[in-house]
Amino acid sequence: SLTMFFRFLDIAGVNSHIIYVGNHMMTAEKPK
């Protein structure tokens, strides 16, 4: 159960960065 929690955190980190990049595509600011 704990090792699946780690994988959930990794997936959440990947997904959140993809949403962050998508929100910055229409701006002049370069995404991190």
PDB file of all heavy atoms in Angstrom:
ATOM      1  N   SER A   1       0.828  -1.208   0.000  1.00  0.00           N
ATOM      2  CA  SER A   1       0.000   0.000   0.000  1.00  0.00           C
ATOM      3  C   SER A   1       0.862   1.258   0.000  1.00  0.00           C
ATOM      4  O   SER A   1       0.533   2.256  -0.656  1.00  0.00           O
ATOM      5  CB  SER A   1      -0.934  -0.009   1.211  1.00  0.00           C
ATOM      6  OG  SER A   1      -0.191  -0.079   2.419  1.00  0.00           O
ATOM      7  N   LEU A   2       1.973   1.222   0.724  1.00  0.00           N
ATOM      8  CA  LEU A   2       2.867   2.377   0.763  1.00  0.00           C
ATOM      9  C   LEU A   2       3.598   2.560  -0.560  1.00  0.00           C
ATOM     10  O   LEU A   2       3.783   3.694  -1.028  1.00  0.00           O
ATOM     11  CB  LEU A   2       3.862   2.229   1.915  1.00  0.00           C
ATOM     12  CG  LEU A   2       4.769   3.429   2.201  1.00  0.00           C
ATOM     13  CD1 LEU A   2       3.942   4.677   2.475  1.00  0.00           C
ATOM     14  CD2 LEU A   2       5.703   3.136   3.370  1.00  0.00           C
ATOM     15  N   THR A   3       4.004   1.466  -1.175  1.00  0.00           N
ATOM     16  CA  THR A   3       4.699   1.597  -2.463  1.00  0.00           C
ATOM     17  C   THR A   3       3.756   2.095  -3.551  1.00  0.00           C
ATOM     18  O   THR A   3       4.171   2.814  -4.463  1.00  0.00           O
ATOM     19  CB  THR A   3       5.346   0.259  -2.867  1.00  0.00           C
ATOM     20  OG1 THR A   3       6.300   0.495  -3.899  1.00  0.00           O
ATOM     21  CG2 THR A   3       4.331  -0.735  -3.382  1.00  0.00           C
ATOM     22  N   MET A   4       2.452   1.760  -3.456  1.00  0.00           N
ATOM     23  CA  MET A   4       1.493   2.311  -4.411  1.00  0.00           C
ATOM     24  C   MET A   4       1.263   3.799  -4.152  1.00  0.00           C
ATOM     25  O   MET A   4       1.015   4.572  -5.077  1.00  0.00           O
ATOM     26  CB  MET A   4       0.173   1.553  -4.334  1.00  0.00           C
ATOM     27  CG  MET A   4       0.224   0.151  -4.933  1.00  0.00           C
ATOM     28  SD  MET A   4       0.940   0.091  -6.587  1.00  0.00           S
ATOM     29  CE  MET A   4      -0.103   1.221  -7.483  1.00  0.00           C
ATOM     30  N   PHE A   5       1.351   4.212  -2.898  1.00  0.00           N
ATOM     31  CA  PHE A   5       1.249   5.635  -2.578  1.00  0.00           C
ATOM     32  C   PHE A   5       2.385   6.413  -3.237  1.00  0.00           C
ATOM     33  O   PHE A   5       2.177   7.510  -3.769  1.00  0.00           O
ATOM     34  CB  PHE A   5       1.282   5.820  -1.066  1.00  0.00           C
ATOM     35  CG  PHE A   5       1.384   7.254  -0.616  1.00  0.00           C
ATOM     36  CD1 PHE A   5       0.330   8.127  -0.797  1.00  0.00           C
ATOM     37  CD2 PHE A   5       2.542   7.729  -0.017  1.00  0.00           C
ATOM     38  CE1 PHE A   5       0.419   9.458  -0.389  1.00  0.00           C
ATOM     39  CE2 PHE A   5       2.640   9.044   0.402  1.00  0.00           C
ATOM     40  CZ  PHE A   5       1.576   9.908   0.208  1.00  0.00           C
ATOM     41  N   PHE A   6       3.588   5.844  -3.242  1.00  0.00           N
ATOM     42  CA  PHE A   6       4.712   6.482  -3.915  1.00  0.00           C
ATOM     43  C   PHE A   6       4.441   6.613  -5.419  1.00  0.00           C
ATOM     44  O   PHE A   6       4.732   7.656  -6.026  1.00  0.00           O
ATOM     45  CB  PHE A   6       5.990   5.694  -3.681  1.00  0.00           C
ATOM     46  CG  PHE A   6       6.425   5.637  -2.238  1.00  0.00           C
ATOM     47  CD1 PHE A   6       7.011   4.494  -1.718  1.00  0.00           C
ATOM     48  CD2 PHE A   6       6.243   6.720  -1.409  1.00  0.00           C
ATOM     49  CE1 PHE A   6       7.412   4.437  -0.398  1.00  0.00           C
ATOM     50  CE2 PHE A   6       6.642   6.680  -0.082  1.00  0.00           C
ATOM     51  CZ  PHE A   6       7.223   5.539   0.423  1.00  0.00           C
ATOM     52  N   ARG A   7       3.891   5.563  -6.030  1.00  0.00           N
ATOM     53  CA  ARG A   7       3.585   5.639  -7.459  1.00  0.00           C
ATOM     54  C   ARG A   7       2.477   6.662  -7.729  1.00  0.00           C
ATOM     55  O   ARG A   7       2.522   7.370  -8.746  1.00  0.00           O
ATOM     56  CB  ARG A   7       3.195   4.262  -7.977  1.00  0.00           C
ATOM     57  CG  ARG A   7       2.779   4.197  -9.452  1.00  0.00           C
ATOM     58  CD  ARG A   7       3.725   4.915 -10.386  1.00  0.00           C
ATOM     59  NE  ARG A   7       5.096   4.475 -10.324  1.00  0.00           N
ATOM     60  CZ  ARG A   7       5.798   4.023 -11.354  1.00  0.00           C
ATOM     61  NH1 ARG A   7       5.218   3.942 -12.550  1.00  0.00           N
ATOM     62  NH2 ARG A   7       7.056   3.673 -11.216  1.00  0.00           N
ATOM     63  N   PHE A   8       1.516   6.780  -6.839  1.00  0.00           N
ATOM     64  CA  PHE A   8       0.477   7.796  -7.007  1.00  0.00           C
ATOM     65  C   PHE A   8       1.075   9.204  -6.965  1.00  0.00           C
ATOM     66  O   PHE A   8       0.671  10.083  -7.733  1.00  0.00           O
ATOM     67  CB  PHE A   8      -0.583   7.652  -5.918  1.00  0.00           C
ATOM     68  CG  PHE A   8      -1.434   6.418  -6.048  1.00  0.00           C
ATOM     69  CD1 PHE A   8      -2.240   5.992  -4.997  1.00  0.00           C
ATOM     70  CD2 PHE A   8      -1.438   5.673  -7.205  1.00  0.00           C
ATOM     71  CE1 PHE A   8      -3.019   4.866  -5.109  1.00  0.00           C
ATOM     72  CE2 PHE A   8      -2.214   4.524  -7.335  1.00  0.00           C
ATOM     73  CZ  PHE A   8      -3.005   4.129  -6.278  1.00  0.00           C
ATOM     74  N   LEU A   9       2.037   9.427  -6.067  1.00  0.00           N
ATOM     75  CA  LEU A   9       2.701  10.728  -6.004  1.00  0.00           C
ATOM     76  C   LEU A   9       3.456  11.018  -7.304  1.00  0.00           C
ATOM     77  O   LEU A   9       3.438  12.150  -7.814  1.00  0.00           O
ATOM     78  CB  LEU A   9       3.668  10.771  -4.826  1.00  0.00           C
ATOM     79  CG  LEU A   9       3.082  10.891  -3.420  1.00  0.00           C
ATOM     80  CD1 LEU A   9       4.205  10.989  -2.400  1.00  0.00           C
ATOM     81  CD2 LEU A   9       2.163  12.088  -3.304  1.00  0.00           C
ATOM     82  N   ASP A  10       4.120   9.996  -7.851  1.00  0.00           N
ATOM     83  CA  ASP A  10       4.855  10.193  -9.103  1.00  0.00           C
ATOM     84  C   ASP A  10       3.909  10.549 -10.245  1.00  0.00           C
ATOM     85  O   ASP A  10       4.193  11.450 -11.047  1.00  0.00           O
ATOM     86  CB  ASP A  10       5.649   8.928  -9.451  1.00  0.00           C
ATOM     87  CG  ASP A  10       6.733   8.625  -8.434  1.00  0.00           C
ATOM     88  OD1 ASP A  10       7.167   9.560  -7.736  1.00  0.00           O
ATOM     89  OD2 ASP A  10       7.133   7.444  -8.327  1.00  0.00           O
ATOM     90  N   ILE A  11       2.783   9.847 -10.336  1.00  0.00           N
ATOM     91  CA  ILE A  11       1.803  10.136 -11.388  1.00  0.00           C
ATOM     92  C   ILE A  11       1.226  11.535 -11.205  1.00  0.00           C
ATOM     93  O   ILE A  11       1.053  12.286 -12.171  1.00  0.00           O
ATOM     94  CB  ILE A  11       0.685   9.069 -11.383  1.00  0.00           C
ATOM     95  CG1 ILE A  11       1.252   7.707 -11.831  1.00  0.00           C
ATOM     96  CG2 ILE A  11      -0.467   9.479 -12.285  1.00  0.00           C
ATOM     97  CD1 ILE A  11       0.256   6.577 -11.744  1.00  0.00           C
ATOM     98  N   ALA A  12       0.928  11.900  -9.953  1.00  0.00           N
ATOM     99  CA  ALA A  12       0.393  13.232  -9.691  1.00  0.00           C
ATOM    100  C   ALA A  12       1.409  14.314 -10.061  1.00  0.00           C
ATOM    101  O   ALA A  12       1.034  15.377 -10.578  1.00  0.00           O
ATOM    102  CB  ALA A  12      -0.006  13.359  -8.223  1.00  0.00           C
ATOM    103  N   GLY A  13       2.694  14.062  -9.801  1.00  0.00           N
ATOM    104  CA  GLY A  13       3.727  15.023 -10.174  1.00  0.00           C
ATOM    105  C   GLY A  13       3.834  15.199 -11.677  1.00  0.00           C
ATOM    106  O   GLY A  13       3.996  16.326 -12.170  1.00  0.00           O
ATOM    107  N   VAL A  14       3.735  14.099 -12.424  1.00  0.00           N
ATOM    108  CA  VAL A  14       3.792  14.180 -13.889  1.00  0.00           C
ATOM    109  C   VAL A  14       2.573  14.922 -14.428  1.00  0.00           C
ATOM    110  O   VAL A  14       2.681  15.827 -15.273  1.00  0.00           O
ATOM    111  CB  VAL A  14       3.898  12.770 -14.499  1.00  0.00           C
ATOM    112  CG1 VAL A  14       3.752  12.826 -16.017  1.00  0.00           C
ATOM    113  CG2 VAL A  14       5.223  12.115 -14.133  1.00  0.00           C
ATOM    114  N   ASN A  15       1.384  14.547 -13.947  1.00  0.00           N
ATOM    115  CA  ASN A  15       0.154  15.169 -14.449  1.00  0.00           C
ATOM    116  C   ASN A  15       0.087  16.661 -14.126  1.00  0.00           C
ATOM    117  O   ASN A  15      -0.328  17.472 -14.955  1.00  0.00           O
ATOM    118  CB  ASN A  15      -1.057  14.449 -13.858  1.00  0.00           C
ATOM    119  CG  ASN A  15      -1.320  13.102 -14.520  1.00  0.00           C
ATOM    120  OD1 ASN A  15      -0.593  12.705 -15.430  1.00  0.00           O
ATOM    121  ND2 ASN A  15      -2.341  12.413 -14.082  1.00  0.00           N
ATOM    122  N   SER A  16       0.475  17.025 -12.909  1.00  0.00           N
ATOM    123  CA  SER A  16       0.395  18.434 -12.526  1.00  0.00           C
ATOM    124  C   SER A  16       1.347  19.292 -13.355  1.00  0.00           C
ATOM    125  O   SER A  16       1.015  20.433 -13.708  1.00  0.00           O
ATOM    126  CB  SER A  16       0.693  18.589 -11.038  1.00  0.00           C
ATOM    127  OG  SER A  16       1.973  18.074 -10.722  1.00  0.00           O
ATOM    128  N   HIS A  17       2.524  18.768 -13.691  1.00  0.00           N
ATOM    129  CA  HIS A  17       3.443  19.544 -14.526  1.00  0.00           C
ATOM    130  C   HIS A  17       2.907  19.689 -15.939  1.00  0.00           C
ATOM    131  O   HIS A  17       3.076  20.752 -16.570  1.00  0.00           O
ATOM    132  CB  HIS A  17       4.813  18.858 -14.567  1.00  0.00           C
ATOM    133  CG  HIS A  17       5.817  19.592 -15.393  1.00  0.00           C
ATOM    134  ND1 HIS A  17       6.259  19.127 -16.626  1.00  0.00           N
ATOM    135  CD2 HIS A  17       6.455  20.780 -15.197  1.00  0.00           C
ATOM    136  CE1 HIS A  17       7.128  19.976 -17.129  1.00  0.00           C
ATOM    137  NE2 HIS A  17       7.264  20.981 -16.293  1.00  0.00           N
ATOM    138  N   ILE A  18       2.224  18.668 -16.457  1.00  0.00           N
ATOM    139  CA  ILE A  18       1.645  18.760 -17.797  1.00  0.00           C
ATOM    140  C   ILE A  18       0.551  19.834 -17.828  1.00  0.00           C
ATOM    141  O   ILE A  18       0.457  20.632 -18.773  1.00  0.00           O
ATOM    142  CB  ILE A  18       1.089  17.398 -18.226  1.00  0.00           C
ATOM    143  CG1 ILE A  18       2.244  16.404 -18.429  1.00  0.00           C
ATOM    144  CG2 ILE A  18       0.258  17.505 -19.497  1.00  0.00           C
ATOM    145  CD1 ILE A  18       1.800  14.977 -18.661  1.00  0.00           C
ATOM    146  N   ILE A  19      -0.270  19.891 -16.790  1.00  0.00           N
ATOM    147  CA  ILE A  19      -1.303  20.927 -16.713  1.00  0.00           C
ATOM    148  C   ILE A  19      -0.657  22.309 -16.597  1.00  0.00           C
ATOM    149  O   ILE A  19      -1.097  23.278 -17.229  1.00  0.00           O
ATOM    150  CB  ILE A  19      -2.233  20.648 -15.524  1.00  0.00           C
ATOM    151  CG1 ILE A  19      -3.016  19.355 -15.764  1.00  0.00           C
ATOM    152  CG2 ILE A  19      -3.198  21.806 -15.292  1.00  0.00           C
ATOM    153  CD1 ILE A  19      -3.886  18.935 -14.596  1.00  0.00           C
ATOM    154  N   TYR A  20       0.404  22.397 -15.793  1.00  0.00           N
ATOM    155  CA  TYR A  20       1.117  23.671 -15.633  1.00  0.00           C
ATOM    156  C   TYR A  20       1.682  24.149 -16.971  1.00  0.00           C
ATOM    157  O   TYR A  20       1.547  25.333 -17.334  1.00  0.00           O
ATOM    158  CB  TYR A  20       2.225  23.494 -14.596  1.00  0.00           C
ATOM    159  CG  TYR A  20       3.309  24.539 -14.654  1.00  0.00           C
ATOM    160  CD1 TYR A  20       3.116  25.805 -14.108  1.00  0.00           C
ATOM    161  CD2 TYR A  20       4.534  24.260 -15.259  1.00  0.00           C
ATOM    162  CE1 TYR A  20       4.114  26.763 -14.162  1.00  0.00           C
ATOM    163  CE2 TYR A  20       5.533  25.204 -15.317  1.00  0.00           C
ATOM    164  CZ  TYR A  20       5.323  26.454 -14.771  1.00  0.00           C
ATOM    165  OH  TYR A  20       6.311  27.402 -14.843  1.00  0.00           O
ATOM    166  N   VAL A  21       2.308  23.255 -17.734  1.00  0.00           N
ATOM    167  CA  VAL A  21       2.870  23.638 -19.035  1.00  0.00           C
ATOM    168  C   VAL A  21       1.757  24.050 -19.997  1.00  0.00           C
ATOM    169  O   VAL A  21       1.888  25.022 -20.750  1.00  0.00           O
ATOM    170  CB  VAL A  21       3.698  22.477 -19.613  1.00  0.00           C
ATOM    171  CG1 VAL A  21       4.132  22.784 -21.046  1.00  0.00           C
ATOM    172  CG2 VAL A  21       4.929  22.220 -18.755  1.00  0.00           C
ATOM    173  N   GLY A  22       0.638  23.304 -19.974  1.00  0.00           N
ATOM    174  CA  GLY A  22      -0.475  23.657 -20.848  1.00  0.00           C
ATOM    175  C   GLY A  22      -1.053  25.022 -20.545  1.00  0.00           C
ATOM    176  O   GLY A  22      -1.453  25.763 -21.464  1.00  0.00           O
ATOM    177  N   ASN A  23      -1.085  25.403 -19.284  1.00  0.00           N
ATOM    178  CA  ASN A  23      -1.608  26.721 -18.914  1.00  0.00           C
ATOM    179  C   ASN A  23      -0.663  27.854 -19.286  1.00  0.00           C
ATOM    180  O   ASN A  23      -1.086  29.005 -19.370  1.00  0.00           O
ATOM    181  CB  ASN A  23      -1.888  26.764 -17.410  1.00  0.00           C
ATOM    182  CG  ASN A  23      -3.049  25.878 -17.023  1.00  0.00           C
ATOM    183  OD1 ASN A  23      -3.920  25.583 -17.838  1.00  0.00           O
ATOM    184  ND2 ASN A  23      -3.074  25.434 -15.769  1.00  0.00           N
ATOM    185  N   HIS A  24       0.625  27.534 -19.494  1.00  0.00           N
ATOM    186  CA  HIS A  24       1.607  28.575 -19.835  1.00  0.00           C
ATOM    187  C   HIS A  24       1.884  28.642 -21.338  1.00  0.00           C
ATOM    188  O   HIS A  24       2.703  29.468 -21.763  1.00  0.00           O
ATOM    189  CB  HIS A  24       2.927  28.316 -19.093  1.00  0.00           C
ATOM    190  CG  HIS A  24       2.906  28.781 -17.670  1.00  0.00           C
ATOM    191  ND1 HIS A  24       2.171  28.146 -16.708  1.00  0.00           N
ATOM    192  CD2 HIS A  24       3.511  29.828 -17.051  1.00  0.00           C
ATOM    193  CE1 HIS A  24       2.342  28.771 -15.558  1.00  0.00           C
ATOM    194  NE2 HIS A  24       3.140  29.789 -15.733  1.00  0.00           N
ATOM    195  N   MET A  25       1.218  27.837 -22.121  1.00  0.00           N
ATOM    196  CA  MET A  25       1.476  27.867 -23.556  1.00  0.00           C
ATOM    197  C   MET A  25       0.971  29.151 -24.208  1.00  0.00           C
ATOM    198  O   MET A  25       1.513  29.594 -25.221  1.00  0.00           O
ATOM    199  CB  MET A  25       0.822  26.656 -24.225  1.00  0.00           C
ATOM    200  CG  MET A  25       1.491  25.326 -23.909  1.00  0.00           C
ATOM    201  SD  MET A  25       0.715  23.936 -24.755  1.00  0.00           S
ATOM    202  CE  MET A  25       1.039  24.359 -26.463  1.00  0.00           C
ATOM    203  N   MET A  26      -0.056  29.758 -23.642  1.00  0.00           N
ATOM    204  CA  MET A  26      -0.623  30.980 -24.224  1.00  0.00           C
ATOM    205  C   MET A  26      -0.004  32.241 -23.654  1.00  0.00           C
ATOM    206  O   MET A  26      -0.431  33.338 -23.962  1.00  0.00           O
ATOM    207  CB  MET A  26      -2.140  30.998 -23.993  1.00  0.00           C
ATOM    208  CG  MET A  26      -2.874  29.789 -24.546  1.00  0.00           C
ATOM    209  SD  MET A  26      -2.626  29.566 -26.324  1.00  0.00           S
ATOM    210  CE  MET A  26      -3.428  31.035 -26.933  1.00  0.00           C
ATOM    211  N   THR A  27       1.004  32.095 -22.816  1.00  0.00           N
ATOM    212  CA  THR A  27       1.668  33.262 -22.228  1.00  0.00           C
ATOM    213  C   THR A  27       3.101  33.359 -22.745  1.00  0.00           C
ATOM    214  O   THR A  27       3.657  32.404 -23.288  1.00  0.00           O
ATOM    215  CB  THR A  27       1.675  33.165 -20.693  1.00  0.00           C
ATOM    216  OG1 THR A  27       2.436  32.007 -20.294  1.00  0.00           O
ATOM    217  CG2 THR A  27       0.256  33.027 -20.158  1.00  0.00           C
ATOM    218  N   ALA A  28       3.691  34.517 -22.542  1.00  0.00           N
ATOM    219  CA  ALA A  28       5.078  34.727 -22.987  1.00  0.00           C
ATOM    220  C   ALA A  28       6.075  34.119 -22.018  1.00  0.00           C
ATOM    221  O   ALA A  28       7.246  33.965 -22.360  1.00  0.00           O
ATOM    222  CB  ALA A  28       5.349  36.219 -23.155  1.00  0.00           C
ATOM    223  N   GLU A  29       5.634  33.786 -20.815  1.00  0.00           N
ATOM    224  CA  GLU A  29       6.541  33.240 -19.815  1.00  0.00           C
ATOM    225  C   GLU A  29       6.942  31.813 -20.171  1.00  0.00           C
ATOM    226  O   GLU A  29       6.095  30.988 -20.530  1.00  0.00           O
ATOM    227  CB  GLU A  29       5.868  33.259 -18.441  1.00  0.00           C
ATOM    228  CG  GLU A  29       6.742  32.745 -17.314  1.00  0.00           C
ATOM    229  CD  GLU A  29       6.014  32.722 -15.988  1.00  0.00           C
ATOM    230  OE1 GLU A  29       4.839  33.150 -15.955  1.00  0.00           O
ATOM    231  OE2 GLU A  29       6.609  32.274 -14.993  1.00  0.00           O
ATOM    232  N   LYS A  30       8.218  31.521 -20.076  1.00  0.00           N
ATOM    233  CA  LYS A  30       8.706  30.182 -20.360  1.00  0.00           C
ATOM    234  C   LYS A  30       8.398  29.259 -19.182  1.00  0.00           C
ATOM    235  O   LYS A  30       8.736  29.577 -18.036  1.00  0.00           O
ATOM    236  CB  LYS A  30      10.215  30.211 -20.613  1.00  0.00           C
ATOM    237  CG  LYS A  30      10.785  28.856 -20.999  1.00  0.00           C
ATOM    238  CD  LYS A  30      12.282  28.949 -21.275  1.00  0.00           C
ATOM    239  CE  LYS A  30      12.851  27.590 -21.647  1.00  0.00           C
ATOM    240  NZ  LYS A  30      14.305  27.662 -21.901  1.00  0.00           N
ATOM    241  N   PRO A  31       7.741  28.122 -19.406  1.00  0.00           N
ATOM    242  CA  PRO A  31       7.394  27.239 -18.279  1.00  0.00           C
ATOM    243  C   PRO A  31       8.633  26.593 -17.672  1.00  0.00           C
ATOM    244  O   PRO A  31       9.662  26.407 -18.334  1.00  0.00           O
ATOM    245  CB  PRO A  31       6.480  26.192 -18.926  1.00  0.00           C
ATOM    246  CG  PRO A  31       6.837  26.196 -20.371  1.00  0.00           C
ATOM    247  CD  PRO A  31       7.249  27.602 -20.694  1.00  0.00           C
ATOM    248  N   LYS A  32       8.522  26.242 -16.414  1.00  0.00           N
ATOM    249  CA  LYS A  32       9.623  25.606 -15.710  1.00  0.00           C
ATOM    250  C   LYS A  32       9.765  24.155 -16.138  1.00  0.00           C
ATOM    251  O   LYS A  32       8.813  23.515 -16.580  1.00  0.00           O
ATOM    252  CB  LYS A  32       9.387  25.660 -14.198  1.00  0.00           C
ATOM    253  CG  LYS A  32       9.310  27.053 -13.619  1.00  0.00           C
ATOM    254  CD  LYS A  32       9.030  26.993 -12.122  1.00  0.00           C
ATOM    255  CE  LYS A  32       8.915  28.390 -11.525  1.00  0.00           C
ATOM    256  NZ  LYS A  32       8.623  28.345 -10.075  1.00  0.00           N
TER     257      LYS A  32
END
